[in-house]
PDB file of N, CA and C in Angstrom:
ATOM      1  N   MET A   1      40.231 -88.404   4.736  1.00  0.00           N
ATOM      2  CA  MET A   1      41.007 -87.211   4.708  1.00  0.00           C
ATOM      3  C   MET A   1      41.731 -87.083   3.386  1.00  0.00           C
ATOM      4  N   SER A   2      41.722 -85.910   2.904  1.00  0.00           N
ATOM      5  CA  SER A   2      42.419 -85.701   1.652  1.00  0.00           C
ATOM      6  C   SER A   2      43.873 -85.377   1.925  1.00  0.00           C
ATOM      7  N   SER A   3      44.661 -85.809   1.043  1.00  0.00           N
ATOM      8  CA  SER A   3      46.083 -85.559   1.250  1.00  0.00           C
ATOM      9  C   SER A   3      46.453 -84.209   0.637  1.00  0.00           C
ATOM     10  N   VAL A   4      46.939 -83.350   1.454  1.00  0.00           N
ATOM     11  CA  VAL A   4      47.346 -82.005   1.020  1.00  0.00           C
ATOM     12  C   VAL A   4      48.854 -81.930   1.133  1.00  0.00           C
ATOM     13  N   LEU A   5      49.438 -81.512   0.045  1.00  0.00           N
ATOM     14  CA  LEU A   5      50.891 -81.367   0.081  1.00  0.00           C
ATOM     15  C   LEU A   5      51.258 -80.086   0.823  1.00  0.00           C
ATOM     16  N   ARG A   6      52.004 -80.257   1.818  1.00  0.00           N
ATOM     17  CA  ARG A   6      52.428 -79.091   2.592  1.00  0.00           C
ATOM     18  C   ARG A   6      53.877 -78.804   2.298  1.00  0.00           C
ATOM     19  N   THR A   7      54.106 -77.560   1.992  1.00  0.00           N
ATOM     20  CA  THR A   7      55.506 -77.151   1.789  1.00  0.00           C
ATOM     21  C   THR A   7      56.040 -76.640   3.111  1.00  0.00           C
ATOM     22  N   PRO A   8      57.282 -76.917   3.353  1.00  0.00           N
ATOM     23  CA  PRO A   8      57.828 -76.439   4.618  1.00  0.00           C
ATOM     24  C   PRO A   8      57.892 -74.911   4.627  1.00  0.00           C
ATOM     25  N   ARG A   9      57.676 -74.359   5.804  1.00  0.00           N
ATOM     26  CA  ARG A   9      57.730 -72.905   5.936  1.00  0.00           C
ATOM     27  C   ARG A   9      59.166 -72.430   5.803  1.00  0.00           C
ATOM     28  N   LYS A  10      59.289 -71.332   5.112  1.00  0.00           N
ATOM     29  CA  LYS A  10      60.621 -70.747   4.946  1.00  0.00           C
ATOM     30  C   LYS A  10      60.689 -69.436   5.711  1.00  0.00           C
ATOM     31  N   HIS A  11      61.738 -69.295   6.445  1.00  0.00           N
ATOM     32  CA  HIS A  11      61.956 -68.073   7.216  1.00  0.00           C
ATOM     33  C   HIS A  11      63.275 -67.458   6.778  1.00  0.00           C
ATOM     34  N   ILE A  12      63.238 -66.174   6.655  1.00  0.00           N
ATOM     35  CA  ILE A  12      64.478 -65.457   6.348  1.00  0.00           C
ATOM     36  C   ILE A  12      65.081 -65.006   7.670  1.00  0.00           C
ATOM     37  N   VAL A  13      66.268 -65.461   7.911  1.00  0.00           N
ATOM     38  CA  VAL A  13      66.948 -65.129   9.154  1.00  0.00           C
ATOM     39  C   VAL A  13      67.947 -64.013   8.871  1.00  0.00           C
ATOM     40  N   PRO A  14      67.756 -62.854   9.490  1.00  0.00           N
ATOM     41  CA  PRO A  14      68.713 -61.780   9.257  1.00  0.00           C
ATOM     42  C   PRO A  14      70.061 -62.129   9.869  1.00  0.00           C
ATOM     43  N   THR A  15      71.089 -61.886   9.115  1.00  0.00           N
ATOM     44  CA  THR A  15      72.427 -62.247   9.593  1.00  0.00           C
ATOM     45  C   THR A  15      73.191 -61.056  10.154  1.00  0.00           C
ATOM     46  N   HIS A  16      72.622 -59.884  10.077  1.00  0.00           N
ATOM     47  CA  HIS A  16      73.339 -58.696  10.522  1.00  0.00           C
ATOM     48  C   HIS A  16      72.739 -58.096  11.793  1.00  0.00           C
ATOM     49  N   LEU A  17      72.169 -58.894  12.653  1.00  0.00           N
ATOM     50  CA  LEU A  17      71.556 -58.379  13.871  1.00  0.00           C
ATOM     51  C   LEU A  17      72.581 -57.848  14.871  1.00  0.00           C
ATOM     52  N   ASN A  18      73.722 -58.458  14.948  1.00  0.00           N
ATOM     53  CA  ASN A  18      74.727 -58.044  15.922  1.00  0.00           C
ATOM     54  C   ASN A  18      75.697 -57.007  15.383  1.00  0.00           C
ATOM     55  N   VAL A  19      75.436 -56.495  14.199  1.00  0.00           N
ATOM     56  CA  VAL A  19      76.309 -55.494  13.592  1.00  0.00           C
ATOM     57  C   VAL A  19      75.699 -54.117  13.823  1.00  0.00           C
ATOM     58  N   PRO A  20      76.453 -53.178  14.410  1.00  0.00           N
ATOM     59  CA  PRO A  20      75.890 -51.844  14.632  1.00  0.00           C
ATOM     60  C   PRO A  20      75.721 -51.088  13.320  1.00  0.00           C
ATOM     61  N   ASP A  21      74.769 -50.177  13.312  1.00  0.00           N
ATOM     62  CA  ASP A  21      74.492 -49.391  12.114  1.00  0.00           C
ATOM     63  C   ASP A  21      75.611 -48.390  11.859  1.00  0.00           C
ATOM     64  N   ALA A  22      75.930 -48.211  10.604  1.00  0.00           N
ATOM     65  CA  ALA A  22      76.952 -47.238  10.218  1.00  0.00           C
ATOM     66  C   ALA A  22      76.320 -45.853  10.168  1.00  0.00           C
ATOM     67  N   VAL A  23      76.931 -44.891  10.852  1.00  0.00           N
ATOM     68  CA  VAL A  23      76.429 -43.518  10.889  1.00  0.00           C
ATOM     69  C   VAL A  23      77.054 -42.697   9.780  1.00  0.00           C
ATOM     70  N   LEU A  24      78.335 -42.877   9.569  1.00  0.00           N
ATOM     71  CA  LEU A  24      79.072 -42.112   8.571  1.00  0.00           C
ATOM     72  C   LEU A  24      79.733 -43.083   7.607  1.00  0.00           C
ATOM     73  N   THR A  25      79.435 -42.934   6.330  1.00  0.00           N
ATOM     74  CA  THR A  25      80.019 -43.803   5.316  1.00  0.00           C
ATOM     75  C   THR A  25      80.569 -42.952   4.187  1.00  0.00           C
ATOM     76  N   LEU A  26      81.852 -43.071   3.946  1.00  0.00           N
ATOM     77  CA  LEU A  26      82.513 -42.403   2.835  1.00  0.00           C
ATOM     78  C   LEU A  26      83.253 -43.468   2.050  1.00  0.00           C
ATOM     79  N   TRP A  27      82.821 -43.673   0.821  1.00  0.00           N
ATOM     80  CA  TRP A  27      83.358 -44.723  -0.031  1.00  0.00           C
ATOM     81  C   TRP A  27      83.266 -46.056   0.692  1.00  0.00           C
ATOM     82  N   SER A  28      84.346 -46.729   0.958  1.00  0.00           N
ATOM     83  CA  SER A  28      84.275 -48.008   1.667  1.00  0.00           C
ATOM     84  C   SER A  28      84.606 -47.849   3.152  1.00  0.00           C
ATOM     85  N   PHE A  29      84.755 -46.646   3.605  1.00  0.00           N
ATOM     86  CA  PHE A  29      85.093 -46.343   4.995  1.00  0.00           C
ATOM     87  C   PHE A  29      83.816 -45.978   5.732  1.00  0.00           C
ATOM     88  N   SER A  30      83.473 -46.756   6.756  1.00  0.00           N
ATOM     89  CA  SER A  30      82.250 -46.456   7.504  1.00  0.00           C
ATOM     90  C   SER A  30      82.544 -46.494   8.999  1.00  0.00           C
ATOM     91  N   LEU A  31      81.848 -45.623   9.723  1.00  0.00           N
ATOM     92  CA  LEU A  31      82.003 -45.532  11.172  1.00  0.00           C
ATOM     93  C   LEU A  31      80.650 -45.722  11.838  1.00  0.00           C
ATOM     94  N   THR A  32      80.661 -46.422  12.959  1.00  0.00           N
ATOM     95  CA  THR A  32      79.458 -46.535  13.761  1.00  0.00           C
ATOM     96  C   THR A  32      79.371 -45.297  14.648  1.00  0.00           C
ATOM     97  N   ALA A  33      78.244 -45.139  15.347  1.00  0.00           N
ATOM     98  CA  ALA A  33      78.066 -43.982  16.220  1.00  0.00           C
ATOM     99  C   ALA A  33      79.113 -43.981  17.334  1.00  0.00           C
ATOM    100  N   ARG A  34      79.394 -45.131  17.890  1.00  0.00           N
ATOM    101  CA  ARG A  34      80.378 -45.228  18.966  1.00  0.00           C
ATOM    102  C   ARG A  34      81.777 -44.874  18.463  1.00  0.00           C
ATOM    103  N   GLN A  35      82.135 -45.371  17.289  1.00  0.00           N
ATOM    104  CA  GLN A  35      83.455 -45.067  16.736  1.00  0.00           C
ATOM    105  C   GLN A  35      83.590 -43.587  16.407  1.00  0.00           C
ATOM    106  N   LEU A  36      82.519 -43.000  15.898  1.00  0.00           N
ATOM    107  CA  LEU A  36      82.552 -41.582  15.559  1.00  0.00           C
ATOM    108  C   LEU A  36      82.707 -40.726  16.805  1.00  0.00           C
ATOM    109  N   LEU A  37      81.995 -41.050  17.869  1.00  0.00           N
ATOM    110  CA  LEU A  37      82.112 -40.293  19.116  1.00  0.00           C
ATOM    111  C   LEU A  37      83.495 -40.451  19.737  1.00  0.00           C
ATOM    112  N   LEU A  38      84.041 -41.647  19.684  1.00  0.00           N
ATOM    113  CA  LEU A  38      85.386 -41.849  20.216  1.00  0.00           C
ATOM    114  C   LEU A  38      86.425 -41.090  19.400  1.00  0.00           C
ATOM    115  N   LEU A  39      86.245 -41.058  18.097  1.00  0.00           N
ATOM    116  CA  LEU A  39      87.171 -40.321  17.238  1.00  0.00           C
ATOM    117  C   LEU A  39      87.113 -38.831  17.539  1.00  0.00           C
ATOM    118  N   LEU A  40      85.869 -38.246  17.703  1.00  0.00           N
ATOM    119  CA  LEU A  40      85.747 -36.819  18.032  1.00  0.00           C
ATOM    120  C   LEU A  40      86.313 -36.521  19.398  1.00  0.00           C
ATOM    121  N   ALA A  41      86.172 -37.464  20.337  1.00  0.00           N
ATOM    122  CA  ALA A  41      86.594 -37.197  21.708  1.00  0.00           C
ATOM    123  C   ALA A  41      88.098 -37.362  21.898  1.00  0.00           C
ATOM    124  N   CYS A  42      88.716 -38.237  21.166  1.00  0.00           N
ATOM    125  CA  CYS A  42      90.117 -38.561  21.430  1.00  0.00           C
ATOM    126  C   CYS A  42      91.102 -37.914  20.470  1.00  0.00           C
ATOM    127  N   TYR A  43      90.713 -37.685  19.245  1.00  0.00           N
ATOM    128  CA  TYR A  43      91.667 -37.211  18.252  1.00  0.00           C
ATOM    129  C   TYR A  43      91.751 -35.693  18.271  1.00  0.00           C
ATOM    130  N   GLN A  44      92.973 -35.168  18.261  1.00  0.00           N
ATOM    131  CA  GLN A  44      93.200 -33.728  18.185  1.00  0.00           C
ATOM    132  C   GLN A  44      94.270 -33.444  17.150  1.00  0.00           C
ATOM    133  N   TYR A  45      94.069 -32.366  16.430  1.00  0.00           N
ATOM    134  CA  TYR A  45      95.055 -31.915  15.455  1.00  0.00           C
ATOM    135  C   TYR A  45      95.348 -30.451  15.754  1.00  0.00           C
ATOM    136  N   ALA A  46      96.606 -30.121  15.896  1.00  0.00           N
ATOM    137  CA  ALA A  46      97.058 -28.763  16.211  1.00  0.00           C
ATOM    138  C   ALA A  46      96.421 -28.242  17.493  1.00  0.00           C
ATOM    139  N   GLY A  47      96.214 -29.131  18.450  1.00  0.00           N
ATOM    140  CA  GLY A  47      95.684 -28.728  19.742  1.00  0.00           C
ATOM    141  C   GLY A  47      94.186 -28.492  19.775  1.00  0.00           C
ATOM    142  N   ARG A  48      93.490 -28.809  18.700  1.00  0.00           N
ATOM    143  CA  ARG A  48      92.040 -28.624  18.653  1.00  0.00           C
ATOM    144  C   ARG A  48      91.371 -29.949  18.342  1.00  0.00           C
ATOM    145  N   SER A  49      90.228 -30.179  18.981  1.00  0.00           N
ATOM    146  CA  SER A  49      89.506 -31.425  18.731  1.00  0.00           C
ATOM    147  C   SER A  49      88.725 -31.321  17.422  1.00  0.00           C
ATOM    148  N   LEU A  50      88.208 -32.451  16.968  1.00  0.00           N
ATOM    149  CA  LEU A  50      87.553 -32.496  15.662  1.00  0.00           C
ATOM    150  C   LEU A  50      86.275 -31.677  15.604  1.00  0.00           C
ATOM    151  N   GLU A  51      85.535 -31.578  16.721  1.00  0.00           N
ATOM    152  CA  GLU A  51      84.315 -30.772  16.671  1.00  0.00           C
ATOM    153  C   GLU A  51      84.637 -29.286  16.527  1.00  0.00           C
ATOM    154  N   VAL A  52      85.769 -28.852  17.093  1.00  0.00           N
ATOM    155  CA  VAL A  52      86.187 -27.456  16.905  1.00  0.00           C
ATOM    156  C   VAL A  52      86.583 -27.226  15.450  1.00  0.00           C
ATOM    157  N   TRP A  53      87.308 -28.175  14.854  1.00  0.00           N
ATOM    158  CA  TRP A  53      87.674 -28.048  13.441  1.00  0.00           C
ATOM    159  C   TRP A  53      86.432 -28.042  12.557  1.00  0.00           C
ATOM    160  N   THR A  54      85.430 -28.834  12.917  1.00  0.00           N
ATOM    161  CA  THR A  54      84.193 -28.856  12.139  1.00  0.00           C
ATOM    162  C   THR A  54      83.499 -27.500  12.186  1.00  0.00           C
ATOM    163  N   ILE A  55      83.446 -26.897  13.364  1.00  0.00           N
ATOM    164  CA  ILE A  55      82.827 -25.579  13.494  1.00  0.00           C
ATOM    165  C   ILE A  55      83.621 -24.538  12.719  1.00  0.00           C
ATOM    166  N   LEU A  56      84.951 -24.601  12.798  1.00  0.00           N
ATOM    167  CA  LEU A  56      85.778 -23.644  12.071  1.00  0.00           C
ATOM    168  C   LEU A  56      85.610 -23.777  10.562  1.00  0.00           C
ATOM    169  N   LEU A  57      85.578 -24.993  10.061  1.00  0.00           N
ATOM    170  CA  LEU A  57      85.383 -25.190   8.622  1.00  0.00           C
ATOM    171  C   LEU A  57      84.002 -24.735   8.169  1.00  0.00           C
ATOM    172  N   LEU A  58      82.999 -24.944   9.002  1.00  0.00           N
ATOM    173  CA  LEU A  58      81.655 -24.489   8.665  1.00  0.00           C
ATOM    174  C   LEU A  58      81.591 -22.966   8.634  1.00  0.00           C
ATOM    175  N   ARG A  59      82.206 -22.314   9.631  1.00  0.00           N
ATOM    176  CA  ARG A  59      82.233 -20.847   9.641  1.00  0.00           C
ATOM    177  C   ARG A  59      82.996 -20.307   8.443  1.00  0.00           C
ATOM    178  N   TYR A  60      84.085 -20.958   8.058  1.00  0.00           N
ATOM    179  CA  TYR A  60      84.854 -20.522   6.894  1.00  0.00           C
ATOM    180  C   TYR A  60      84.032 -20.664   5.610  1.00  0.00           C
ATOM    181  N   ALA A  61      83.299 -21.750   5.504  1.00  0.00           N
ATOM    182  CA  ALA A  61      82.501 -21.976   4.301  1.00  0.00           C
ATOM    183  C   ALA A  61      81.360 -20.967   4.183  1.00  0.00           C
ATOM    184  N   LEU A  62      80.843 -20.484   5.302  1.00  0.00           N
ATOM    185  CA  LEU A  62      79.723 -19.555   5.271  1.00  0.00           C
ATOM    186  C   LEU A  62      80.140 -18.098   5.135  1.00  0.00           C
ATOM    187  N   ARG A  63      81.417 -17.800   5.305  1.00  0.00           N
ATOM    188  CA  ARG A  63      81.884 -16.413   5.195  1.00  0.00           C
ATOM    189  C   ARG A  63      82.009 -15.996   3.742  1.00  0.00           C
ATOM    190  N   PRO A  64      81.879 -14.682   3.480  1.00  0.00           N
ATOM    191  CA  PRO A  64      82.088 -14.217   2.107  1.00  0.00           C
ATOM    192  C   PRO A  64      83.553 -14.364   1.712  1.00  0.00           C
ATOM    193  N   LYS A  65      83.776 -14.619   0.444  1.00  0.00           N
ATOM    194  CA  LYS A  65      85.142 -14.836  -0.030  1.00  0.00           C
ATOM    195  C   LYS A  65      85.810 -13.544  -0.506  1.00  0.00           C
ATOM    196  N   ARG A  66      85.017 -12.503  -0.706  1.00  0.00           N
ATOM    197  CA  ARG A  66      85.568 -11.224  -1.132  1.00  0.00           C
ATOM    198  C   ARG A  66      85.186 -10.171  -0.113  1.00  0.00           C
ATOM    199  N   TYR A  67      86.135  -9.322   0.194  1.00  0.00           N
ATOM    200  CA  TYR A  67      85.921  -8.243   1.135  1.00  0.00           C
ATOM    201  C   TYR A  67      86.192  -6.912   0.457  1.00  0.00           C
ATOM    202  N   VAL A  68      85.494  -5.882   0.894  1.00  0.00           N
ATOM    203  CA  VAL A  68      85.687  -4.539   0.377  1.00  0.00           C
ATOM    204  C   VAL A  68      86.328  -3.730   1.484  1.00  0.00           C
ATOM    205  N   TRP A  69      87.440  -3.087   1.158  1.00  0.00           N
ATOM    206  CA  TRP A  69      88.132  -2.290   2.159  1.00  0.00           C
ATOM    207  C   TRP A  69      87.511  -0.905   2.196  1.00  0.00           C
ATOM    208  N   ARG A  70      87.165  -0.479   3.383  1.00  0.00           N
ATOM    209  CA  ARG A  70      86.669   0.871   3.607  1.00  0.00           C
ATOM    210  C   ARG A  70      87.345   1.393   4.852  1.00  0.00           C
ATOM    211  N   THR A  71      87.803   2.615   4.778  1.00  0.00           N
ATOM    212  CA  THR A  71      88.425   3.195   5.957  1.00  0.00           C
ATOM    213  C   THR A  71      87.353   3.510   6.993  1.00  0.00           C
ATOM    214  N   ILE A  72      87.655   3.270   8.230  1.00  0.00           N
ATOM    215  CA  ILE A  72      86.688   3.565   9.286  1.00  0.00           C
ATOM    216  C   ILE A  72      86.988   4.906   9.942  1.00  0.00           C
ATOM    217  N   ARG A  73      88.051   5.554   9.525  1.00  0.00           N
ATOM    218  CA  ARG A  73      88.402   6.835  10.127  1.00  0.00           C
ATOM    219  C   ARG A  73      87.369   7.906   9.811  1.00  0.00           C
ATOM    220  N   THR A  74      86.804   7.873   8.643  1.00  0.00           N
ATOM    221  CA  THR A  74      85.825   8.898   8.278  1.00  0.00           C
ATOM    222  C   THR A  74      84.414   8.519   8.682  1.00  0.00           C
ATOM    223  N   THR A  75      84.131   7.250   8.812  1.00  0.00           N
ATOM    224  CA  THR A  75      82.764   6.840   9.136  1.00  0.00           C
ATOM    225  C   THR A  75      82.562   6.569  10.617  1.00  0.00           C
ATOM    226  N   GLU A  76      83.583   6.152  11.296  1.00  0.00           N
ATOM    227  CA  GLU A  76      83.463   5.821  12.717  1.00  0.00           C
ATOM    228  C   GLU A  76      84.346   6.757  13.527  1.00  0.00           C
ATOM    229  N   ALA A  77      83.875   7.935  13.805  1.00  0.00           N
ATOM    230  CA  ALA A  77      84.679   8.935  14.502  1.00  0.00           C
ATOM    231  C   ALA A  77      84.945   8.551  15.957  1.00  0.00           C
ATOM    232  N   HIS A  78      84.052   7.800  16.560  1.00  0.00           N
ATOM    233  CA  HIS A  78      84.237   7.434  17.970  1.00  0.00           C
ATOM    234  C   HIS A  78      85.376   6.432  18.157  1.00  0.00           C
ATOM    235  N   LEU A  79      85.821   5.772  17.083  1.00  0.00           N
ATOM    236  CA  LEU A  79      86.937   4.840  17.197  1.00  0.00           C
ATOM    237  C   LEU A  79      88.282   5.551  17.156  1.00  0.00           C
ATOM    238  N   TYR A  80      88.324   6.722  16.544  1.00  0.00           N
ATOM    239  CA  TYR A  80      89.557   7.490  16.426  1.00  0.00           C
ATOM    240  C   TYR A  80      89.314   8.902  16.958  1.00  0.00           C
ATOM    241  N   PRO A  81      89.353   9.082  18.280  1.00  0.00           N
ATOM    242  CA  PRO A  81      89.032  10.414  18.825  1.00  0.00           C
ATOM    243  C   PRO A  81      90.119  11.455  18.531  1.00  0.00           C
ATOM    244  N   LEU A  82      91.355  11.041  18.290  1.00  0.00           N
ATOM    245  CA  LEU A  82      92.439  11.993  18.055  1.00  0.00           C
ATOM    246  C   LEU A  82      92.532  12.421  16.592  1.00  0.00           C
ATOM    247  N   VAL A  83      91.925  11.655  15.705  1.00  0.00           N
ATOM    248  CA  VAL A  83      91.949  11.989  14.280  1.00  0.00           C
ATOM    249  C   VAL A  83      90.661  12.740  13.973  1.00  0.00           C
ATOM    250  N   PRO A  84      90.757  13.963  13.478  1.00  0.00           N
ATOM    251  CA  PRO A  84      89.515  14.710  13.186  1.00  0.00           C
ATOM    252  C   PRO A  84      88.779  14.084  12.012  1.00  0.00           C
ATOM    253  N   ALA A  85      87.495  14.041  12.137  1.00  0.00           N
ATOM    254  CA  ALA A  85      86.669  13.489  11.068  1.00  0.00           C
ATOM    255  C   ALA A  85      86.636  14.454   9.895  1.00  0.00           C
ATOM    256  N   VAL A  86      86.340  13.950   8.738  1.00  0.00           N
ATOM    257  CA  VAL A  86      86.315  14.776   7.530  1.00  0.00           C
ATOM    258  C   VAL A  86      85.256  15.864   7.657  1.00  0.00           C
ATOM    259  N   ASN A  87      84.115  15.535   8.237  1.00  0.00           N
ATOM    260  CA  ASN A  87      83.047  16.511   8.397  1.00  0.00           C
ATOM    261  C   ASN A  87      83.450  17.624   9.351  1.00  0.00           C
ATOM    262  N   ASP A  88      84.195  17.285  10.415  1.00  0.00           N
ATOM    263  CA  ASP A  88      84.652  18.293  11.352  1.00  0.00           C
ATOM    264  C   ASP A  88      85.619  19.257  10.694  1.00  0.00           C
ATOM    265  N   VAL A  89      86.511  18.743   9.860  1.00  0.00           N
ATOM    266  CA  VAL A  89      87.477  19.592   9.166  1.00  0.00           C
ATOM    267  C   VAL A  89      86.754  20.522   8.203  1.00  0.00           C
ATOM    268  N   LYS A  90      85.775  20.002   7.475  1.00  0.00           N
ATOM    269  CA  LYS A  90      85.010  20.833   6.538  1.00  0.00           C
ATOM    270  C   LYS A  90      84.242  21.913   7.269  1.00  0.00           C
ATOM    271  N   ARG A  91      83.668  21.579   8.424  1.00  0.00           N
ATOM    272  CA  ARG A  91      82.904  22.582   9.205  1.00  0.00           C
ATOM    273  C   ARG A  91      83.806  23.685   9.705  1.00  0.00           C
ATOM    274  N   LYS A  92      85.003  23.323  10.139  1.00  0.00           N
ATOM    275  CA  LYS A  92      85.941  24.334  10.628  1.00  0.00           C
ATOM    276  C   LYS A  92      86.390  25.254   9.497  1.00  0.00           C
ATOM    277  N   GLU A  93      86.603  24.676   8.314  1.00  0.00           N
ATOM    278  CA  GLU A  93      87.015  25.498   7.173  1.00  0.00           C
ATOM    279  C   GLU A  93      85.892  26.405   6.719  1.00  0.00           C
ATOM    280  N   GLU A  94      84.650  25.939   6.780  1.00  0.00           N
ATOM    281  CA  GLU A  94      83.523  26.737   6.345  1.00  0.00           C
ATOM    282  C   GLU A  94      83.214  27.842   7.340  1.00  0.00           C
ATOM    283  N   SER A  95      83.489  27.590   8.614  1.00  0.00           N
ATOM    284  CA  SER A  95      83.178  28.608   9.622  1.00  0.00           C
ATOM    285  C   SER A  95      84.195  29.751   9.599  1.00  0.00           C
ATOM    286  N   ARG A  96      85.345  29.582   9.012  1.00  0.00           N
ATOM    287  CA  ARG A  96      86.365  30.624   8.965  1.00  0.00           C
ATOM    288  C   ARG A  96      86.062  31.632   7.943  1.00  0.00           C
TER     289      ARG A  96
END
């Protein structure tokens, strides 16, 4: 028999098997899925939970930042039945 040098087998043993995966990581602050769900479920600011604040911030970010003011009295006559529309006033003046 020939002598063959055998090297011992090397196995890499993962050391982070019992550590849950981080779902949210900001700088050195990380949360697992369980911690994130507990934070959303338990924490409230100004009487609103975090998921409501998230929806509100998302809606605010998607809204336009500039608005144009237009009077609705002349364009939406059904909203102001007691105020005569501009077209009605012009028709009455033209019919006289």
